[in-house]
Amino acid sequence: MSEWLRSIPQLPSPLVLGDVYYLASDQGGLVTTISASTGERIAKARVGDAGDAYFTSPVAGDGKVYLLGESGVLTVLRAGGLEELHRADFGEACFATPALVDDSVWIRTDGHLYRLGARR
């Protein structure tokens, strides 16, 4: 059995982007990328706030992957890998998967709803 199979997330859904599966861990802030065509692990790394839990599913748009941790830290990765492009801390718990609508990213925290994008 492959090593990555032992740590499949229980809550967040995987994201499939091209030939890459993104698996965000329920605990520990780990994200694993798997080749969809071969099943082999590409990379595994801690992203976002160290030790954070991911109860939300990763989403992708505009060449980026968005991961929102329970602690309220949004991590933006370059699509296709685990290179961090940006990080933002919303300062409160998050359990809702970000929504990508038109040119905006919607984030719902415990007490707020944020729209990230260009002014209209």
PDB file of N, CA and C in Angstrom:
ATOM      1  N   MET A   1       0.847  -1.176   0.000  1.00  0.00           N
ATOM      2  CA  MET A   1       0.000   0.000   0.000  1.00  0.00           C
ATOM      3  C   MET A   1       0.891   1.237   0.000  1.00  0.00           C
ATOM      4  N   SER A   2       0.561   2.206  -0.823  1.00  0.00           N
ATOM      5  CA  SER A   2       1.326   3.449  -0.881  1.00  0.00           C
ATOM      6  C   SER A   2       1.221   4.190   0.440  1.00  0.00           C
ATOM      7  N   GLU A   3       2.311   4.873   0.809  1.00  0.00           N
ATOM      8  CA  GLU A   3       2.355   5.635   2.059  1.00  0.00           C
ATOM      9  C   GLU A   3       1.237   6.676   2.131  1.00  0.00           C
ATOM     10  N   TRP A   4       0.934   7.351   1.011  1.00  0.00           N
ATOM     11  CA  TRP A   4      -0.068   8.416   1.041  1.00  0.00           C
ATOM     12  C   TRP A   4      -1.469   7.887   1.300  1.00  0.00           C
ATOM     13  N   LEU A   5      -1.727   6.616   1.009  1.00  0.00           N
ATOM     14  CA  LEU A   5      -3.052   6.051   1.251  1.00  0.00           C
ATOM     15  C   LEU A   5      -3.385   5.987   2.735  1.00  0.00           C
ATOM     16  N   ARG A   6      -2.365   5.916   3.593  1.00  0.00           N
ATOM     17  CA  ARG A   6      -2.600   5.843   5.036  1.00  0.00           C
ATOM     18  C   ARG A   6      -3.038   7.177   5.619  1.00  0.00           C
ATOM     19  N   SER A   7      -2.873   8.267   4.870  1.00  0.00           N
ATOM     20  CA  SER A   7      -3.218   9.582   5.417  1.00  0.00           C
ATOM     21  C   SER A   7      -4.256  10.307   4.565  1.00  0.00           C
ATOM     22  N   ILE A   8      -5.185   9.567   3.989  1.00  0.00           N
ATOM     23  CA  ILE A   8      -6.241  10.188   3.194  1.00  0.00           C
ATOM     24  C   ILE A   8      -7.154  10.989   4.121  1.00  0.00           C
ATOM     25  N   PRO A   9      -7.460  12.246   3.769  1.00  0.00           N
ATOM     26  CA  PRO A   9      -8.309  13.078   4.616  1.00  0.00           C
ATOM     27  C   PRO A   9      -9.714  12.483   4.777  1.00  0.00           C
ATOM     28  N   GLN A  10     -10.281  12.692   5.946  1.00  0.00           N
ATOM     29  CA  GLN A  10     -11.627  12.189   6.225  1.00  0.00           C
ATOM     30  C   GLN A  10     -12.718  13.215   5.904  1.00  0.00           C
ATOM     31  N   LEU A  11     -12.413  14.519   5.994  1.00  0.00           N
ATOM     32  CA  LEU A  11     -13.443  15.543   5.813  1.00  0.00           C
ATOM     33  C   LEU A  11     -13.342  16.312   4.500  1.00  0.00           C
ATOM     34  N   PRO A  12     -12.213  16.980   4.205  1.00  0.00           N
ATOM     35  CA  PRO A  12     -12.186  17.769   2.966  1.00  0.00           C
ATOM     36  C   PRO A  12     -12.170  16.875   1.735  1.00  0.00           C
ATOM     37  N   SER A  13     -12.925  17.282   0.735  1.00  0.00           N
ATOM     38  CA  SER A  13     -12.898  16.560  -0.540  1.00  0.00           C
ATOM     39  C   SER A  13     -11.596  16.851  -1.254  1.00  0.00           C
ATOM     40  N   PRO A  14     -11.066  15.889  -1.997  1.00  0.00           N
ATOM     41  CA  PRO A  14      -9.864  16.161  -2.790  1.00  0.00           C
ATOM     42  C   PRO A  14     -10.203  17.102  -3.942  1.00  0.00           C
ATOM     43  N   LEU A  15      -9.202  17.780  -4.423  1.00  0.00           N
ATOM     44  CA  LEU A  15      -9.326  18.623  -5.606  1.00  0.00           C
ATOM     45  C   LEU A  15      -8.530  17.957  -6.715  1.00  0.00           C
ATOM     46  N   VAL A  16      -9.126  17.825  -7.891  1.00  0.00           N
ATOM     47  CA  VAL A  16      -8.418  17.308  -9.050  1.00  0.00           C
ATOM     48  C   VAL A  16      -8.250  18.471 -10.014  1.00  0.00           C
ATOM     49  N   LEU A  17      -6.995  18.770 -10.334  1.00  0.00           N
ATOM     50  CA  LEU A  17      -6.679  19.893 -11.206  1.00  0.00           C
ATOM     51  C   LEU A  17      -5.683  19.398 -12.245  1.00  0.00           C
ATOM     52  N   GLY A  18      -6.152  19.202 -13.463  1.00  0.00           N
ATOM     53  CA  GLY A  18      -5.298  18.611 -14.486  1.00  0.00           C
ATOM     54  C   GLY A  18      -4.960  17.189 -14.085  1.00  0.00           C
ATOM     55  N   ASP A  19      -3.678  16.898 -13.975  1.00  0.00           N
ATOM     56  CA  ASP A  19      -3.218  15.557 -13.606  1.00  0.00           C
ATOM     57  C   ASP A  19      -2.837  15.480 -12.129  1.00  0.00           C
ATOM     58  N   VAL A  20      -3.250  16.467 -11.340  1.00  0.00           N
ATOM     59  CA  VAL A  20      -2.822  16.518  -9.944  1.00  0.00           C
ATOM     60  C   VAL A  20      -4.019  16.458  -8.996  1.00  0.00           C
ATOM     61  N   TYR A  21      -3.952  15.507  -8.055  1.00  0.00           N
ATOM     62  CA  TYR A  21      -4.898  15.454  -6.938  1.00  0.00           C
ATOM     63  C   TYR A  21      -4.292  16.246  -5.786  1.00  0.00           C
ATOM     64  N   TYR A  22      -5.098  17.122  -5.158  1.00  0.00           N
ATOM     65  CA  TYR A  22      -4.688  17.827  -3.946  1.00  0.00           C
ATOM     66  C   TYR A  22      -5.475  17.235  -2.788  1.00  0.00           C
ATOM     67  N   LEU A  23      -4.778  16.755  -1.763  1.00  0.00           N
ATOM     68  CA  LEU A  23      -5.403  16.189  -0.574  1.00  0.00           C
ATOM     69  C   LEU A  23      -4.970  17.029   0.624  1.00  0.00           C
ATOM     70  N   ALA A  24      -5.914  17.723   1.255  1.00  0.00           N
ATOM     71  CA  ALA A  24      -5.630  18.546   2.434  1.00  0.00           C
ATOM     72  C   ALA A  24      -5.964  17.727   3.675  1.00  0.00           C
ATOM     73  N   SER A  25      -5.044  17.676   4.609  1.00  0.00           N
ATOM     74  CA  SER A  25      -5.202  16.854   5.807  1.00  0.00           C
ATOM     75  C   SER A  25      -6.142  17.497   6.823  1.00  0.00           C
ATOM     76  N   ASP A  26      -6.926  16.645   7.472  1.00  0.00           N
ATOM     77  CA  ASP A  26      -7.815  17.110   8.537  1.00  0.00           C
ATOM     78  C   ASP A  26      -7.022  17.722   9.687  1.00  0.00           C
ATOM     79  N   GLN A  27      -5.827  17.239   9.927  1.00  0.00           N
ATOM     80  CA  GLN A  27      -4.990  17.696  11.038  1.00  0.00           C
ATOM     81  C   GLN A  27      -3.561  17.898  10.549  1.00  0.00           C
ATOM     82  N   GLY A  28      -2.855  18.827  11.157  1.00  0.00           N
ATOM     83  CA  GLY A  28      -1.430  18.972  10.913  1.00  0.00           C
ATOM     84  C   GLY A  28      -1.017  19.882   9.780  1.00  0.00           C
ATOM     85  N   GLY A  29      -1.974  20.472   9.036  1.00  0.00           N
ATOM     86  CA  GLY A  29      -1.616  21.407   7.979  1.00  0.00           C
ATOM     87  C   GLY A  29      -0.908  20.796   6.787  1.00  0.00           C
ATOM     88  N   LEU A  30      -1.036  19.499   6.602  1.00  0.00           N
ATOM     89  CA  LEU A  30      -0.354  18.829   5.495  1.00  0.00           C
ATOM     90  C   LEU A  30      -1.208  18.801   4.239  1.00  0.00           C
ATOM     91  N   VAL A  31      -0.553  19.055   3.115  1.00  0.00           N
ATOM     92  CA  VAL A  31      -1.192  18.908   1.813  1.00  0.00           C
ATOM     93  C   VAL A  31      -0.320  17.964   0.998  1.00  0.00           C
ATOM     94  N   THR A  32      -0.960  16.993   0.370  1.00  0.00           N
ATOM     95  CA  THR A  32      -0.260  16.015  -0.457  1.00  0.00           C
ATOM     96  C   THR A  32      -0.769  16.154  -1.884  1.00  0.00           C
ATOM     97  N   THR A  33       0.157  16.118  -2.847  1.00  0.00           N
ATOM     98  CA  THR A  33      -0.234  16.096  -4.249  1.00  0.00           C
ATOM     99  C   THR A  33       0.116  14.727  -4.820  1.00  0.00           C
ATOM    100  N   ILE A  34      -0.825  14.195  -5.609  1.00  0.00           N
ATOM    101  CA  ILE A  34      -0.713  12.854  -6.189  1.00  0.00           C
ATOM    102  C   ILE A  34      -0.924  12.966  -7.695  1.00  0.00           C
ATOM    103  N   SER A  35      -0.146  12.243  -8.459  1.00  0.00           N
ATOM    104  CA  SER A  35      -0.355  12.190  -9.903  1.00  0.00           C
ATOM    105  C   SER A  35      -1.625  11.392 -10.190  1.00  0.00           C
ATOM    106  N   ALA A  36      -2.562  11.995 -10.899  1.00  0.00           N
ATOM    107  CA  ALA A  36      -3.813  11.309 -11.226  1.00  0.00           C
ATOM    108  C   ALA A  36      -3.569  10.158 -12.202  1.00  0.00           C
ATOM    109  N   SER A  37      -2.562  10.282 -13.055  1.00  0.00           N
ATOM    110  CA  SER A  37      -2.336   9.239 -14.058  1.00  0.00           C
ATOM    111  C   SER A  37      -1.539   8.059 -13.527  1.00  0.00           C
ATOM    112  N   THR A  38      -0.628   8.296 -12.567  1.00  0.00           N
ATOM    113  CA  THR A  38       0.197   7.190 -12.078  1.00  0.00           C
ATOM    114  C   THR A  38      -0.125   6.764 -10.649  1.00  0.00           C
ATOM    115  N   GLY A  39      -0.780   7.632  -9.878  1.00  0.00           N
ATOM    116  CA  GLY A  39      -1.073   7.326  -8.485  1.00  0.00           C
ATOM    117  C   GLY A  39       0.100   7.566  -7.549  1.00  0.00           C
ATOM    118  N   GLU A  40       1.199   8.047  -8.077  1.00  0.00           N
ATOM    119  CA  GLU A  40       2.391   8.297  -7.264  1.00  0.00           C
ATOM    120  C   GLU A  40       2.313   9.659  -6.584  1.00  0.00           C
ATOM    121  N   ARG A  41       2.885   9.722  -5.383  1.00  0.00           N
ATOM    122  CA  ARG A  41       2.937  10.992  -4.674  1.00  0.00           C
ATOM    123  C   ARG A  41       3.918  11.927  -5.373  1.00  0.00           C
ATOM    124  N   ILE A  42       3.482  13.169  -5.587  1.00  0.00           N
ATOM    125  CA  ILE A  42       4.343  14.187  -6.189  1.00  0.00           C
ATOM    126  C   ILE A  42       5.070  14.942  -5.081  1.00  0.00           C
ATOM    127  N   ALA A  43       4.299  15.442  -4.109  1.00  0.00           N
ATOM    128  CA  ALA A  43       4.898  16.226  -3.028  1.00  0.00           C
ATOM    129  C   ALA A  43       3.990  16.182  -1.806  1.00  0.00           C
ATOM    130  N   LYS A  44       4.593  16.488  -0.655  1.00  0.00           N
ATOM    131  CA  LYS A  44       3.842  16.576   0.598  1.00  0.00           C
ATOM    132  C   LYS A  44       4.517  17.655   1.428  1.00  0.00           C
ATOM    133  N   ALA A  45       3.726  18.615   1.933  1.00  0.00           N
ATOM    134  CA  ALA A  45       4.315  19.710   2.702  1.00  0.00           C
ATOM    135  C   ALA A  45       3.279  20.323   3.633  1.00  0.00           C
ATOM    136  N   ARG A  46       3.768  20.964   4.678  1.00  0.00           N
ATOM    137  CA  ARG A  46       2.898  21.754   5.544  1.00  0.00           C
ATOM    138  C   ARG A  46       2.667  23.086   4.866  1.00  0.00           C
ATOM    139  N   VAL A  47       1.418  23.492   4.781  1.00  0.00           N
ATOM    140  CA  VAL A  47       1.093  24.791   4.196  1.00  0.00           C
ATOM    141  C   VAL A  47       0.213  25.552   5.170  1.00  0.00           C
ATOM    142  N   GLY A  48       0.162  26.856   4.996  1.00  0.00           N
ATOM    143  CA  GLY A  48      -0.663  27.675   5.876  1.00  0.00           C
ATOM    144  C   GLY A  48      -0.088  27.766   7.262  1.00  0.00           C
ATOM    145  N   ASP A  49      -0.966  27.810   8.253  1.00  0.00           N
ATOM    146  CA  ASP A  49      -0.575  27.912   9.645  1.00  0.00           C
ATOM    147  C   ASP A  49      -0.132  26.529  10.127  1.00  0.00           C
ATOM    148  N   ALA A  50       1.102  26.416  10.607  1.00  0.00           N
ATOM    149  CA  ALA A  50       1.647  25.118  11.028  1.00  0.00           C
ATOM    150  C   ALA A  50       0.710  24.415  11.997  1.00  0.00           C
ATOM    151  N   GLY A  51       0.390  23.182  11.708  1.00  0.00           N
ATOM    152  CA  GLY A  51      -0.467  22.392  12.580  1.00  0.00           C
ATOM    153  C   GLY A  51      -1.948  22.639  12.403  1.00  0.00           C
ATOM    154  N   ASP A  52      -2.334  23.485  11.453  1.00  0.00           N
ATOM    155  CA  ASP A  52      -3.744  23.797  11.230  1.00  0.00           C
ATOM    156  C   ASP A  52      -4.487  22.563  10.727  1.00  0.00           C
ATOM    157  N   ALA A  53      -5.795  22.574  10.861  1.00  0.00           N
ATOM    158  CA  ALA A  53      -6.646  21.511  10.339  1.00  0.00           C
ATOM    159  C   ALA A  53      -7.422  22.055   9.146  1.00  0.00           C
ATOM    160  N   TYR A  54      -7.618  21.209   8.146  1.00  0.00           N
ATOM    161  CA  TYR A  54      -8.410  21.594   6.981  1.00  0.00           C
ATOM    162  C   TYR A  54      -9.723  20.821   6.999  1.00  0.00           C
ATOM    163  N   PHE A  55     -10.795  21.517   7.321  1.00  0.00           N
ATOM    164  CA  PHE A  55     -12.133  20.934   7.248  1.00  0.00           C
ATOM    165  C   PHE A  55     -12.838  21.392   5.981  1.00  0.00           C
ATOM    166  N   THR A  56     -12.290  22.433   5.338  1.00  0.00           N
ATOM    167  CA  THR A  56     -12.825  22.919   4.071  1.00  0.00           C
ATOM    168  C   THR A  56     -12.071  22.220   2.939  1.00  0.00           C
ATOM    169  N   SER A  57     -12.692  22.154   1.785  1.00  0.00           N
ATOM    170  CA  SER A  57     -12.057  21.517   0.633  1.00  0.00           C
ATOM    171  C   SER A  57     -11.258  22.540  -0.154  1.00  0.00           C
ATOM    172  N   PRO A  58     -10.144  22.116  -0.748  1.00  0.00           N
ATOM    173  CA  PRO A  58      -9.404  23.032  -1.610  1.00  0.00           C
ATOM    174  C   PRO A  58     -10.216  23.343  -2.865  1.00  0.00           C
ATOM    175  N   VAL A  59     -10.067  24.560  -3.381  1.00  0.00           N
ATOM    176  CA  VAL A  59     -10.722  24.972  -4.621  1.00  0.00           C
ATOM    177  C   VAL A  59      -9.676  25.616  -5.519  1.00  0.00           C
ATOM    178  N   ALA A  60      -9.958  25.688  -6.829  1.00  0.00           N
ATOM    179  CA  ALA A  60      -8.985  26.229  -7.768  1.00  0.00           C
ATOM    180  C   ALA A  60      -9.642  27.168  -8.758  1.00  0.00           C
ATOM    181  N   GLY A  61      -8.884  28.177  -9.159  1.00  0.00           N
ATOM    182  CA  GLY A  61      -9.312  29.112 -10.188  1.00  0.00           C
ATOM    183  C   GLY A  61      -8.180  30.056 -10.524  1.00  0.00           C
ATOM    184  N   ASP A  62      -8.136  30.507 -11.756  1.00  0.00           N
ATOM    185  CA  ASP A  62      -7.161  31.499 -12.198  1.00  0.00           C
ATOM    186  C   ASP A  62      -5.720  31.036 -11.966  1.00  0.00           C
ATOM    187  N   GLY A  63      -5.476  29.738 -12.127  1.00  0.00           N
ATOM    188  CA  GLY A  63      -4.127  29.213 -11.968  1.00  0.00           C
ATOM    189  C   GLY A  63      -3.653  29.120 -10.531  1.00  0.00           C
ATOM    190  N   LYS A  64      -4.602  29.137  -9.591  1.00  0.00           N
ATOM    191  CA  LYS A  64      -4.260  29.092  -8.168  1.00  0.00           C
ATOM    192  C   LYS A  64      -5.114  28.052  -7.446  1.00  0.00           C
ATOM    193  N   VAL A  65      -4.587  27.553  -6.321  1.00  0.00           N
ATOM    194  CA  VAL A  65      -5.317  26.644  -5.435  1.00  0.00           C
ATOM    195  C   VAL A  65      -5.487  27.378  -4.112  1.00  0.00           C
ATOM    196  N   TYR A  66      -6.720  27.383  -3.583  1.00  0.00           N
ATOM    197  CA  TYR A  66      -7.040  28.083  -2.345  1.00  0.00           C
ATOM    198  C   TYR A  66      -7.344  27.062  -1.255  1.00  0.00           C
ATOM    199  N   LEU A  67      -6.636  27.206  -0.124  1.00  0.00           N
ATOM    200  CA  LEU A  67      -6.824  26.325   1.030  1.00  0.00           C
ATOM    201  C   LEU A  67      -7.151  27.198   2.236  1.00  0.00           C
ATOM    202  N   LEU A  68      -8.251  26.905   2.903  1.00  0.00           N
ATOM    203  CA  LEU A  68      -8.672  27.686   4.060  1.00  0.00           C
ATOM    204  C   LEU A  68      -8.671  26.798   5.290  1.00  0.00           C
ATOM    205  N   GLY A  69      -7.777  27.105   6.237  1.00  0.00           N
ATOM    206  CA  GLY A  69      -7.640  26.307   7.447  1.00  0.00           C
ATOM    207  C   GLY A  69      -8.637  26.693   8.520  1.00  0.00           C
ATOM    208  N   GLU A  70      -8.823  25.785   9.463  1.00  0.00           N
ATOM    209  CA  GLU A  70      -9.754  26.008  10.573  1.00  0.00           C
ATOM    210  C   GLU A  70      -9.419  27.290  11.341  1.00  0.00           C
ATOM    211  N   SER A  71      -8.149  27.637  11.448  1.00  0.00           N
ATOM    212  CA  SER A  71      -7.737  28.815  12.213  1.00  0.00           C
ATOM    213  C   SER A  71      -8.064  30.129  11.502  1.00  0.00           C
ATOM    214  N   GLY A  72      -8.488  30.057  10.240  1.00  0.00           N
ATOM    215  CA  GLY A  72      -8.804  31.263   9.488  1.00  0.00           C
ATOM    216  C   GLY A  72      -7.690  31.726   8.578  1.00  0.00           C
ATOM    217  N   VAL A  73      -6.693  30.888   8.348  1.00  0.00           N
ATOM    218  CA  VAL A  73      -5.600  31.244   7.452  1.00  0.00           C
ATOM    219  C   VAL A  73      -5.905  30.712   6.048  1.00  0.00           C
ATOM    220  N   LEU A  74      -5.962  31.642   5.084  1.00  0.00           N
ATOM    221  CA  LEU A  74      -6.142  31.290   3.678  1.00  0.00           C
ATOM    222  C   LEU A  74      -4.769  31.234   3.033  1.00  0.00           C
ATOM    223  N   THR A  75      -4.448  30.101   2.415  1.00  0.00           N
ATOM    224  CA  THR A  75      -3.182  29.942   1.713  1.00  0.00           C
ATOM    225  C   THR A  75      -3.481  29.767   0.232  1.00  0.00           C
ATOM    226  N   VAL A  76      -2.784  30.542  -0.585  1.00  0.00           N
ATOM    227  CA  VAL A  76      -2.949  30.472  -2.035  1.00  0.00           C
ATOM    228  C   VAL A  76      -1.677  29.867  -2.620  1.00  0.00           C
ATOM    229  N   LEU A  77      -1.854  28.768  -3.365  1.00  0.00           N
ATOM    230  CA  LEU A  77      -0.741  28.062  -3.989  1.00  0.00           C
ATOM    231  C   LEU A  77      -0.787  28.236  -5.500  1.00  0.00           C
ATOM    232  N   ARG A  78       0.371  28.149  -6.131  1.00  0.00           N
ATOM    233  CA  ARG A  78       0.409  28.115  -7.595  1.00  0.00           C
ATOM    234  C   ARG A  78      -0.116  26.745  -8.028  1.00  0.00           C
ATOM    235  N   ALA A  79      -1.050  26.721  -8.974  1.00  0.00           N
ATOM    236  CA  ALA A  79      -1.629  25.462  -9.452  1.00  0.00           C
ATOM    237  C   ALA A  79      -0.541  24.553 -10.012  1.00  0.00           C
ATOM    238  N   GLY A  80      -0.663  23.273  -9.722  1.00  0.00           N
ATOM    239  CA  GLY A  80       0.274  22.276 -10.206  1.00  0.00           C
ATOM    240  C   GLY A  80       1.314  21.868  -9.192  1.00  0.00           C
ATOM    241  N   GLY A  81       1.391  22.586  -8.064  1.00  0.00           N
ATOM    242  CA  GLY A  81       2.384  22.262  -7.051  1.00  0.00           C
ATOM    243  C   GLY A  81       1.984  22.812  -5.697  1.00  0.00           C
ATOM    244  N   LEU A  82       2.980  22.986  -4.834  1.00  0.00           N
ATOM    245  CA  LEU A  82       2.730  23.470  -3.479  1.00  0.00           C
ATOM    246  C   LEU A  82       3.437  24.794  -3.195  1.00  0.00           C
ATOM    247  N   GLU A  83       3.803  25.532  -4.250  1.00  0.00           N
ATOM    248  CA  GLU A  83       4.458  26.821  -4.064  1.00  0.00           C
ATOM    249  C   GLU A  83       3.454  27.847  -3.537  1.00  0.00           C
ATOM    250  N   GLU A  84       3.759  28.407  -2.365  1.00  0.00           N
ATOM    251  CA  GLU A  84       2.869  29.392  -1.748  1.00  0.00           C
ATOM    252  C   GLU A  84       3.037  30.754  -2.425  1.00  0.00           C
ATOM    253  N   LEU A  85       1.906  31.312  -2.869  1.00  0.00           N
ATOM    254  CA  LEU A  85       1.907  32.631  -3.489  1.00  0.00           C
ATOM    255  C   LEU A  85       1.480  33.727  -2.517  1.00  0.00           C
ATOM    256  N   HIS A  86       0.569  33.374  -1.614  1.00  0.00           N
ATOM    257  CA  HIS A  86       0.026  34.383  -0.692  1.00  0.00           C
ATOM    258  C   HIS A  86      -0.585  33.686   0.520  1.00  0.00           C
ATOM    259  N   ARG A  87      -0.630  34.436   1.620  1.00  0.00           N
ATOM    260  CA  ARG A  87      -1.274  33.938   2.839  1.00  0.00           C
ATOM    261  C   ARG A  87      -1.993  35.111   3.501  1.00  0.00           C
ATOM    262  N   ALA A  88      -3.205  34.858   3.970  1.00  0.00           N
ATOM    263  CA  ALA A  88      -3.985  35.885   4.679  1.00  0.00           C
ATOM    264  C   ALA A  88      -4.623  35.251   5.904  1.00  0.00           C
ATOM    265  N   ASP A  89      -4.573  35.960   7.028  1.00  0.00           N
ATOM    266  CA  ASP A  89      -5.142  35.460   8.281  1.00  0.00           C
ATOM    267  C   ASP A  89      -6.401  36.255   8.603  1.00  0.00           C
ATOM    268  N   PHE A  90      -7.545  35.582   8.622  1.00  0.00           N
ATOM    269  CA  PHE A  90      -8.823  36.242   8.899  1.00  0.00           C
ATOM    270  C   PHE A  90      -9.134  36.311  10.392  1.00  0.00           C
ATOM    271  N   GLY A  91      -8.313  35.676  11.219  1.00  0.00           N
ATOM    272  CA  GLY A  91      -8.409  35.840  12.658  1.00  0.00           C
ATOM    273  C   GLY A  91      -9.580  35.183  13.358  1.00  0.00           C
ATOM    274  N   GLU A  92     -10.300  34.326  12.676  1.00  0.00           N
ATOM    275  CA  GLU A  92     -11.376  33.577  13.337  1.00  0.00           C
ATOM    276  C   GLU A  92     -11.608  32.264  12.608  1.00  0.00           C
ATOM    277  N   ALA A  93     -12.248  31.345  13.285  1.00  0.00           N
ATOM    278  CA  ALA A  93     -12.428  29.989  12.764  1.00  0.00           C
ATOM    279  C   ALA A  93     -13.178  29.979  11.434  1.00  0.00           C
ATOM    280  N   CYS A  94     -12.803  29.024  10.585  1.00  0.00           N
ATOM    281  CA  CYS A  94     -13.436  28.846   9.275  1.00  0.00           C
ATOM    282  C   CYS A  94     -13.722  27.365   9.054  1.00  0.00           C
ATOM    283  N   PHE A  95     -14.952  27.081   8.687  1.00  0.00           N
ATOM    284  CA  PHE A  95     -15.348  25.701   8.402  1.00  0.00           C
ATOM    285  C   PHE A  95     -16.063  25.580   7.058  1.00  0.00           C
ATOM    286  N   ALA A  96     -16.171  26.689   6.307  1.00  0.00           N
ATOM    287  CA  ALA A  96     -16.872  26.688   5.023  1.00  0.00           C
ATOM    288  C   ALA A  96     -15.866  26.782   3.884  1.00  0.00           C
ATOM    289  N   THR A  97     -16.034  25.947   2.887  1.00  0.00           N
ATOM    290  CA  THR A  97     -15.162  25.962   1.716  1.00  0.00           C
ATOM    291  C   THR A  97     -15.315  27.290   0.983  1.00  0.00           C
ATOM    292  N   PRO A  98     -14.200  27.921   0.577  1.00  0.00           N
ATOM    293  CA  PRO A  98     -14.301  29.166  -0.199  1.00  0.00           C
ATOM    294  C   PRO A  98     -15.103  28.931  -1.476  1.00  0.00           C
ATOM    295  N   ALA A  99     -15.819  29.966  -1.900  1.00  0.00           N
ATOM    296  CA  ALA A  99     -16.600  29.898  -3.131  1.00  0.00           C
ATOM    297  C   ALA A  99     -15.969  30.826  -4.159  1.00  0.00           C
ATOM    298  N   LEU A 100     -15.772  30.325  -5.367  1.00  0.00           N
ATOM    299  CA  LEU A 100     -15.239  31.130  -6.467  1.00  0.00           C
ATOM    300  C   LEU A 100     -16.392  31.482  -7.392  1.00  0.00           C
ATOM    301  N   VAL A 101     -16.683  32.778  -7.491  1.00  0.00           N
ATOM    302  CA  VAL A 101     -17.790  33.254  -8.312  1.00  0.00           C
ATOM    303  C   VAL A 101     -17.286  34.404  -9.170  1.00  0.00           C
ATOM    304  N   ASP A 102     -17.412  34.259 -10.492  1.00  0.00           N
ATOM    305  CA  ASP A 102     -16.900  35.251 -11.435  1.00  0.00           C
ATOM    306  C   ASP A 102     -15.429  35.521 -11.112  1.00  0.00           C
ATOM    307  N   ASP A 103     -15.079  36.755 -10.797  1.00  0.00           N
ATOM    308  CA  ASP A 103     -13.687  37.098 -10.486  1.00  0.00           C
ATOM    309  C   ASP A 103     -13.490  37.318  -8.996  1.00  0.00           C
ATOM    310  N   SER A 104     -14.284  36.679  -8.167  1.00  0.00           N
ATOM    311  CA  SER A 104     -14.216  36.889  -6.718  1.00  0.00           C
ATOM    312  C   SER A 104     -14.053  35.578  -5.959  1.00  0.00           C
ATOM    313  N   VAL A 105     -13.429  35.693  -4.797  1.00  0.00           N
ATOM    314  CA  VAL A 105     -13.335  34.583  -3.856  1.00  0.00           C
ATOM    315  C   VAL A 105     -14.137  34.992  -2.629  1.00  0.00           C
ATOM    316  N   TRP A 106     -15.113  34.175  -2.257  1.00  0.00           N
ATOM    317  CA  TRP A 106     -15.954  34.446  -1.086  1.00  0.00           C
ATOM    318  C   TRP A 106     -15.477  33.564   0.061  1.00  0.00           C
ATOM    319  N   ILE A 107     -15.239  34.192   1.208  1.00  0.00           N
ATOM    320  CA  ILE A 107     -14.763  33.498   2.406  1.00  0.00           C
ATOM    321  C   ILE A 107     -15.767  33.741   3.527  1.00  0.00           C
ATOM    322  N   ARG A 108     -16.258  32.655   4.140  1.00  0.00           N
ATOM    323  CA  ARG A 108     -17.143  32.802   5.306  1.00  0.00           C
ATOM    324  C   ARG A 108     -16.405  32.297   6.526  1.00  0.00           C
ATOM    325  N   THR A 109     -16.227  33.204   7.490  1.00  0.00           N
ATOM    326  CA  THR A 109     -15.613  32.841   8.762  1.00  0.00           C
ATOM    327  C   THR A 109     -16.726  32.659   9.785  1.00  0.00           C
ATOM    328  N   ASP A 110     -16.349  32.435  11.034  1.00  0.00           N
ATOM    329  CA  ASP A 110     -17.347  32.278  12.093  1.00  0.00           C
ATOM    330  C   ASP A 110     -18.290  33.474  12.190  1.00  0.00           C
ATOM    331  N   GLY A 111     -17.771  34.675  11.950  1.00  0.00           N
ATOM    332  CA  GLY A 111     -18.603  35.856  12.147  1.00  0.00           C
ATOM    333  C   GLY A 111     -18.702  36.819  10.989  1.00  0.00           C
ATOM    334  N   HIS A 112     -18.039  36.516   9.856  1.00  0.00           N
ATOM    335  CA  HIS A 112     -18.032  37.475   8.746  1.00  0.00           C
ATOM    336  C   HIS A 112     -18.109  36.764   7.398  1.00  0.00           C
ATOM    337  N   LEU A 113     -18.503  37.539   6.393  1.00  0.00           N
ATOM    338  CA  LEU A 113     -18.480  37.078   5.003  1.00  0.00           C
ATOM    339  C   LEU A 113     -17.629  38.066   4.231  1.00  0.00           C
ATOM    340  N   TYR A 114     -16.590  37.582   3.554  1.00  0.00           N
ATOM    341  CA  TYR A 114     -15.672  38.427   2.817  1.00  0.00           C
ATOM    342  C   TYR A 114     -15.769  38.128   1.331  1.00  0.00           C
ATOM    343  N   ARG A 115     -15.657  39.182   0.526  1.00  0.00           N
ATOM    344  CA  ARG A 115     -15.539  39.040  -0.924  1.00  0.00           C
ATOM    345  C   ARG A 115     -14.182  39.597  -1.316  1.00  0.00           C
ATOM    346  N   LEU A 116     -13.330  38.763  -1.914  1.00  0.00           N
ATOM    347  CA  LEU A 116     -12.015  39.190  -2.355  1.00  0.00           C
ATOM    348  C   LEU A 116     -12.022  39.279  -3.873  1.00  0.00           C
ATOM    349  N   GLY A 117     -11.664  40.432  -4.395  1.00  0.00           N
ATOM    350  CA  GLY A 117     -11.636  40.630  -5.834  1.00  0.00           C
ATOM    351  C   GLY A 117     -11.616  42.111  -6.140  1.00  0.00           C
ATOM    352  N   ALA A 118     -11.564  42.419  -7.428  1.00  0.00           N
ATOM    353  CA  ALA A 118     -11.546  43.819  -7.861  1.00  0.00           C
ATOM    354  C   ALA A 118     -12.868  44.492  -7.540  1.00  0.00           C
ATOM    355  N   ARG A 119     -12.773  45.790  -7.234  1.00  0.00           N
ATOM    356  CA  ARG A 119     -14.011  46.559  -7.001  1.00  0.00           C
ATOM    357  C   ARG A 119     -14.847  46.610  -8.261  1.00  0.00           C
ATOM    358  N   ARG A 120     -16.137  46.579  -8.070  1.00  0.00           N
ATOM    359  CA  ARG A 120     -17.054  46.635  -9.227  1.00  0.00           C
ATOM    360  C   ARG A 120     -17.707  47.981  -9.276  1.00  0.00           C
TER     361      ARG A 120
END
